[in-house]
PDB file of N, CA and C in Angstrom:
ATOM      1  N   MET A   1      12.320   9.624  -4.881  1.00  0.00           N
ATOM      2  CA  MET A   1      11.336   8.697  -4.339  1.00  0.00           C
ATOM      3  C   MET A   1      10.969   7.652  -5.399  1.00  0.00           C
ATOM      4  N   LYS A   2      10.954   6.406  -4.994  1.00  0.00           N
ATOM      5  CA  LYS A   2      10.600   5.324  -5.908  1.00  0.00           C
ATOM      6  C   LYS A   2       9.082   5.173  -5.981  1.00  0.00           C
ATOM      7  N   LYS A   3       8.572   5.087  -7.195  1.00  0.00           N
ATOM      8  CA  LYS A   3       7.147   4.901  -7.413  1.00  0.00           C
ATOM      9  C   LYS A   3       6.811   3.411  -7.311  1.00  0.00           C
ATOM     10  N   ALA A   4       5.759   3.089  -6.614  1.00  0.00           N
ATOM     11  CA  ALA A   4       5.356   1.697  -6.418  1.00  0.00           C
ATOM     12  C   ALA A   4       4.788   1.098  -7.700  1.00  0.00           C
ATOM     13  N   GLU A   5       4.880  -0.213  -7.788  1.00  0.00           N
ATOM     14  CA  GLU A   5       4.285  -0.972  -8.887  1.00  0.00           C
ATOM     15  C   GLU A   5       3.297  -1.956  -8.283  1.00  0.00           C
ATOM     16  N   VAL A   6       2.457  -2.547  -9.126  1.00  0.00           N
ATOM     17  CA  VAL A   6       1.505  -3.555  -8.656  1.00  0.00           C
ATOM     18  C   VAL A   6       2.277  -4.679  -7.973  1.00  0.00           C
ATOM     19  N   GLY A   7       1.849  -5.044  -6.777  1.00  0.00           N
ATOM     20  CA  GLY A   7       2.487  -6.114  -6.028  1.00  0.00           C
ATOM     21  C   GLY A   7       3.474  -5.636  -4.982  1.00  0.00           C
ATOM     22  N   CYS A   8       3.868  -4.357  -5.043  1.00  0.00           N
ATOM     23  CA  CYS A   8       4.793  -3.819  -4.042  1.00  0.00           C
ATOM     24  C   CYS A   8       4.096  -3.686  -2.701  1.00  0.00           C
ATOM     25  N   ILE A   9       4.874  -3.800  -1.637  1.00  0.00           N
ATOM     26  CA  ILE A   9       4.355  -3.534  -0.299  1.00  0.00           C
ATOM     27  C   ILE A   9       4.824  -2.144   0.081  1.00  0.00           C
ATOM     28  N   ILE A  10       3.870  -1.298   0.490  1.00  0.00           N
ATOM     29  CA  ILE A  10       4.193   0.076   0.846  1.00  0.00           C
ATOM     30  C   ILE A  10       3.814   0.348   2.301  1.00  0.00           C
ATOM     31  N   GLU A  11       4.435   1.383   2.844  1.00  0.00           N
ATOM     32  CA  GLU A  11       4.113   1.836   4.196  1.00  0.00           C
ATOM     33  C   GLU A  11       3.696   3.293   4.108  1.00  0.00           C
ATOM     34  N   PHE A  12       2.678   3.660   4.857  1.00  0.00           N
ATOM     35  CA  PHE A  12       2.155   5.020   4.818  1.00  0.00           C
ATOM     36  C   PHE A  12       1.445   5.318   6.132  1.00  0.00           C
ATOM     37  N   LYS A  13       1.168   6.570   6.351  1.00  0.00           N
ATOM     38  CA  LYS A  13       0.351   7.042   7.485  1.00  0.00           C
ATOM     39  C   LYS A  13       0.651   6.313   8.798  1.00  0.00           C
ATOM     40  N   ASP A  14       1.764   6.631   9.406  1.00  0.00           N
ATOM     41  CA  ASP A  14       2.126   6.106  10.738  1.00  0.00           C
ATOM     42  C   ASP A  14       2.197   4.587  10.812  1.00  0.00           C
ATOM     43  N   GLY A  15       2.792   3.950   9.808  1.00  0.00           N
ATOM     44  CA  GLY A  15       3.071   2.524   9.896  1.00  0.00           C
ATOM     45  C   GLY A  15       2.073   1.580   9.261  1.00  0.00           C
ATOM     46  N   LEU A  16       0.999   2.075   8.660  1.00  0.00           N
ATOM     47  CA  LEU A  16       0.084   1.178   7.960  1.00  0.00           C
ATOM     48  C   LEU A  16       0.808   0.603   6.742  1.00  0.00           C
ATOM     49  N   GLN A  17       0.517  -0.654   6.424  1.00  0.00           N
ATOM     50  CA  GLN A  17       1.142  -1.303   5.279  1.00  0.00           C
ATOM     51  C   GLN A  17       0.080  -1.981   4.425  1.00  0.00           C
ATOM     52  N   GLY A  18       0.395  -2.126   3.152  1.00  0.00           N
ATOM     53  CA  GLY A  18      -0.519  -2.809   2.253  1.00  0.00           C
ATOM     54  C   GLY A  18       0.155  -3.157   0.949  1.00  0.00           C
ATOM     55  N   ILE A  19      -0.550  -3.957   0.151  1.00  0.00           N
ATOM     56  CA  ILE A  19      -0.057  -4.389  -1.158  1.00  0.00           C
ATOM     57  C   ILE A  19      -0.736  -3.546  -2.239  1.00  0.00           C
ATOM     58  N   VAL A  20       0.074  -2.998  -3.131  1.00  0.00           N
ATOM     59  CA  VAL A  20      -0.441  -2.167  -4.220  1.00  0.00           C
ATOM     60  C   VAL A  20      -1.194  -3.042  -5.210  1.00  0.00           C
ATOM     61  N   GLU A  21      -2.446  -2.679  -5.471  1.00  0.00           N
ATOM     62  CA  GLU A  21      -3.264  -3.429  -6.429  1.00  0.00           C
ATOM     63  C   GLU A  21      -3.375  -2.727  -7.773  1.00  0.00           C
ATOM     64  N   LYS A  22      -3.319  -1.387  -7.754  1.00  0.00           N
ATOM     65  CA  LYS A  22      -3.437  -0.633  -8.998  1.00  0.00           C
ATOM     66  C   LYS A  22      -2.650   0.659  -8.859  1.00  0.00           C
ATOM     67  N   VAL A  23      -1.965   1.033  -9.931  1.00  0.00           N
ATOM     68  CA  VAL A  23      -1.210   2.278  -9.950  1.00  0.00           C
ATOM     69  C   VAL A  23      -1.930   3.257 -10.863  1.00  0.00           C
ATOM     70  N   ASN A  24      -2.277   4.415 -10.326  1.00  0.00           N
ATOM     71  CA  ASN A  24      -2.907   5.486 -11.094  1.00  0.00           C
ATOM     72  C   ASN A  24      -1.880   6.594 -11.325  1.00  0.00           C
ATOM     73  N   GLU A  25      -2.271   7.631 -12.035  1.00  0.00           N
ATOM     74  CA  GLU A  25      -1.346   8.717 -12.353  1.00  0.00           C
ATOM     75  C   GLU A  25      -0.803   9.390 -11.092  1.00  0.00           C
ATOM     76  N   ASN A  26      -1.666   9.660 -10.116  1.00  0.00           N
ATOM     77  CA  ASN A  26      -1.252  10.390  -8.919  1.00  0.00           C
ATOM     78  C   ASN A  26      -1.336   9.580  -7.636  1.00  0.00           C
ATOM     79  N   SER A  27      -1.766   8.328  -7.714  1.00  0.00           N
ATOM     80  CA  SER A  27      -1.987   7.556  -6.495  1.00  0.00           C
ATOM     81  C   SER A  27      -1.938   6.053  -6.778  1.00  0.00           C
ATOM     82  N   VAL A  28      -2.008   5.283  -5.696  1.00  0.00           N
ATOM     83  CA  VAL A  28      -2.103   3.835  -5.798  1.00  0.00           C
ATOM     84  C   VAL A  28      -3.293   3.363  -4.976  1.00  0.00           C
ATOM     85  N   ILE A  29      -3.865   2.233  -5.370  1.00  0.00           N
ATOM     86  CA  ILE A  29      -4.922   1.593  -4.593  1.00  0.00           C
ATOM     87  C   ILE A  29      -4.265   0.446  -3.846  1.00  0.00           C
ATOM     88  N   VAL A  30      -4.478   0.410  -2.535  1.00  0.00           N
ATOM     89  CA  VAL A  30      -3.749  -0.493  -1.658  1.00  0.00           C
ATOM     90  C   VAL A  30      -4.706  -1.428  -0.923  1.00  0.00           C
ATOM     91  N   ASP A  31      -4.348  -2.718  -0.876  1.00  0.00           N
ATOM     92  CA  ASP A  31      -5.090  -3.725  -0.118  1.00  0.00           C
ATOM     93  C   ASP A  31      -4.491  -3.792   1.285  1.00  0.00           C
ATOM     94  N   LEU A  32      -5.267  -3.410   2.285  1.00  0.00           N
ATOM     95  CA  LEU A  32      -4.774  -3.343   3.666  1.00  0.00           C
ATOM     96  C   LEU A  32      -4.868  -4.672   4.401  1.00  0.00           C
ATOM     97  N   THR A  33      -5.514  -5.669   3.829  1.00  0.00           N
ATOM     98  CA  THR A  33      -5.662  -6.962   4.514  1.00  0.00           C
ATOM     99  C   THR A  33      -4.324  -7.684   4.649  1.00  0.00           C
ATOM    100  N   TYR A  34      -3.276  -7.136   4.053  1.00  0.00           N
ATOM    101  CA  TYR A  34      -1.919  -7.682   4.176  1.00  0.00           C
ATOM    102  C   TYR A  34      -1.447  -7.650   5.640  1.00  0.00           C
ATOM    103  N   MET A  35      -1.891  -6.637   6.377  1.00  0.00           N
ATOM    104  CA  MET A  35      -1.441  -6.478   7.769  1.00  0.00           C
ATOM    105  C   MET A  35      -2.073  -7.538   8.666  1.00  0.00           C
ATOM    106  N   LYS A  36      -1.273  -8.093   9.575  1.00  0.00           N
ATOM    107  CA  LYS A  36      -1.780  -9.113  10.499  1.00  0.00           C
ATOM    108  C   LYS A  36      -2.873  -8.562  11.413  1.00  0.00           C
ATOM    109  N   ASN A  37      -2.744  -7.297  11.810  1.00  0.00           N
ATOM    110  CA  ASN A  37      -3.710  -6.691  12.730  1.00  0.00           C
ATOM    111  C   ASN A  37      -4.800  -5.904  12.001  1.00  0.00           C
ATOM    112  N   TYR A  38      -5.025  -6.213  10.750  1.00  0.00           N
ATOM    113  CA  TYR A  38      -6.012  -5.503   9.926  1.00  0.00           C
ATOM    114  C   TYR A  38      -7.390  -5.454  10.586  1.00  0.00           C
ATOM    115  N   ARG A  39      -7.893  -6.587  11.040  1.00  0.00           N
ATOM    116  CA  ARG A  39      -9.241  -6.627  11.644  1.00  0.00           C
ATOM    117  C   ARG A  39      -9.307  -5.819  12.940  1.00  0.00           C
ATOM    118  N   ALA A  40      -8.264  -5.883  13.727  1.00  0.00           N
ATOM    119  CA  ALA A  40      -8.239  -5.155  15.001  1.00  0.00           C
ATOM    120  C   ALA A  40      -8.270  -3.640  14.788  1.00  0.00           C
ATOM    121  N   LEU A  41      -7.722  -3.182  13.678  1.00  0.00           N
ATOM    122  CA  LEU A  41      -7.676  -1.744  13.400  1.00  0.00           C
ATOM    123  C   LEU A  41      -8.997  -1.201  12.860  1.00  0.00           C
ATOM    124  N   ASP A  42      -9.914  -2.084  12.497  1.00  0.00           N
ATOM    125  CA  ASP A  42     -11.233  -1.695  11.999  1.00  0.00           C
ATOM    126  C   ASP A  42     -11.129  -0.726  10.812  1.00  0.00           C
ATOM    127  N   LEU A  43     -10.362  -1.140   9.809  1.00  0.00           N
ATOM    128  CA  LEU A  43     -10.158  -0.335   8.609  1.00  0.00           C
ATOM    129  C   LEU A  43     -10.936  -0.898   7.436  1.00  0.00           C
ATOM    130  N   GLU A  44     -11.139  -0.054   6.431  1.00  0.00           N
ATOM    131  CA  GLU A  44     -11.686  -0.533   5.169  1.00  0.00           C
ATOM    132  C   GLU A  44     -10.673  -1.480   4.534  1.00  0.00           C
ATOM    133  N   GLU A  45     -11.137  -2.350   3.666  1.00  0.00           N
ATOM    134  CA  GLU A  45     -10.254  -3.334   3.028  1.00  0.00           C
ATOM    135  C   GLU A  45      -9.236  -2.689   2.093  1.00  0.00           C
ATOM    136  N   LYS A  46      -9.638  -1.615   1.402  1.00  0.00           N
ATOM    137  CA  LYS A  46      -8.764  -0.942   0.439  1.00  0.00           C
ATOM    138  C   LYS A  46      -8.782   0.556   0.685  1.00  0.00           C
ATOM    139  N   THR A  47      -7.698   1.203   0.257  1.00  0.00           N
ATOM    140  CA  THR A  47      -7.617   2.654   0.364  1.00  0.00           C
ATOM    141  C   THR A  47      -6.780   3.206  -0.776  1.00  0.00           C
ATOM    142  N   VAL A  48      -6.851   4.511  -0.961  1.00  0.00           N
ATOM    143  CA  VAL A  48      -6.085   5.206  -1.994  1.00  0.00           C
ATOM    144  C   VAL A  48      -5.021   6.044  -1.301  1.00  0.00           C
ATOM    145  N   VAL A  49      -3.781   5.962  -1.819  1.00  0.00           N
ATOM    146  CA  VAL A  49      -2.676   6.707  -1.233  1.00  0.00           C
ATOM    147  C   VAL A  49      -1.950   7.462  -2.343  1.00  0.00           C
ATOM    148  N   ASN A  50      -1.747   8.758  -2.143  1.00  0.00           N
ATOM    149  CA  ASN A  50      -1.016   9.580  -3.101  1.00  0.00           C
ATOM    150  C   ASN A  50       0.440   9.133  -3.163  1.00  0.00           C
ATOM    151  N   HIS A  51       1.052   9.260  -4.333  1.00  0.00           N
ATOM    152  CA  HIS A  51       2.445   8.845  -4.510  1.00  0.00           C
ATOM    153  C   HIS A  51       3.386   9.573  -3.543  1.00  0.00           C
ATOM    154  N   LYS A  52       3.027  10.779  -3.129  1.00  0.00           N
ATOM    155  CA  LYS A  52       3.876  11.558  -2.222  1.00  0.00           C
ATOM    156  C   LYS A  52       3.834  11.033  -0.789  1.00  0.00           C
ATOM    157  N   ASN A  53       2.850  10.184  -0.481  1.00  0.00           N
ATOM    158  CA  ASN A  53       2.582   9.834   0.916  1.00  0.00           C
ATOM    159  C   ASN A  53       2.907   8.403   1.310  1.00  0.00           C
ATOM    160  N   TYR A  54       3.748   7.725   0.559  1.00  0.00           N
ATOM    161  CA  TYR A  54       4.119   6.359   0.940  1.00  0.00           C
ATOM    162  C   TYR A  54       5.591   6.100   0.673  1.00  0.00           C
ATOM    163  N   LYS A  55       6.057   4.983   1.220  1.00  0.00           N
ATOM    164  CA  LYS A  55       7.429   4.531   0.998  1.00  0.00           C
ATOM    165  C   LYS A  55       7.353   3.055   0.620  1.00  0.00           C
ATOM    166  N   VAL A  56       8.045   2.661  -0.450  1.00  0.00           N
ATOM    167  CA  VAL A  56       8.090   1.262  -0.860  1.00  0.00           C
ATOM    168  C   VAL A  56       9.007   0.525   0.111  1.00  0.00           C
ATOM    169  N   ILE A  57       8.472  -0.517   0.785  1.00  0.00           N
ATOM    170  CA  ILE A  57       9.305  -1.251   1.722  1.00  0.00           C
ATOM    171  C   ILE A  57       9.703  -2.623   1.179  1.00  0.00           C
ATOM    172  N   LYS A  58       8.993  -3.109   0.147  1.00  0.00           N
ATOM    173  CA  LYS A  58       9.364  -4.362  -0.498  1.00  0.00           C
ATOM    174  C   LYS A  58       8.909  -4.297  -1.944  1.00  0.00           C
ATOM    175  N   ASP A  59       9.809  -4.599  -2.856  1.00  0.00           N
ATOM    176  CA  ASP A  59       9.459  -4.593  -4.268  1.00  0.00           C
ATOM    177  C   ASP A  59       8.389  -5.634  -4.566  1.00  0.00           C
ATOM    178  N   SER A  60       7.859  -5.564  -5.736  1.00  0.00           N
ATOM    179  CA  SER A  60       6.771  -6.417  -6.187  1.00  0.00           C
ATOM    180  C   SER A  60       6.926  -7.867  -5.742  1.00  0.00           C
ATOM    181  N   VAL A  61       5.904  -8.396  -5.085  1.00  0.00           N
ATOM    182  CA  VAL A  61       5.920  -9.796  -4.663  1.00  0.00           C
ATOM    183  C   VAL A  61       5.704 -10.722  -5.851  1.00  0.00           C
ATOM    184  N   ASN A  62       5.319 -10.171  -6.988  1.00  0.00           N
ATOM    185  CA  ASN A  62       5.113 -10.955  -8.206  1.00  0.00           C
ATOM    186  C   ASN A  62       6.388 -11.114  -9.013  1.00  0.00           C
ATOM    187  N   ALA A  63       7.413 -10.322  -8.681  1.00  0.00           N
ATOM    188  CA  ALA A  63       8.652 -10.343  -9.467  1.00  0.00           C
ATOM    189  C   ALA A  63       9.553 -11.493  -9.078  1.00  0.00           C
TER     190      ALA A  63
END
């Protein structure tokens, strides 16, 4: 499994997507406002996802 870096777009929990803002030892902090339907889903702006629970779908947008 590839570990995400800051700027990567990840997918987790039944199709939710977000941009990684910070990488911690066991998890990443993800900005969910990346999704077009973010407001409709009534989610918090950011969330924490364990490294075991996501898939990198696009490498760092900063690279």
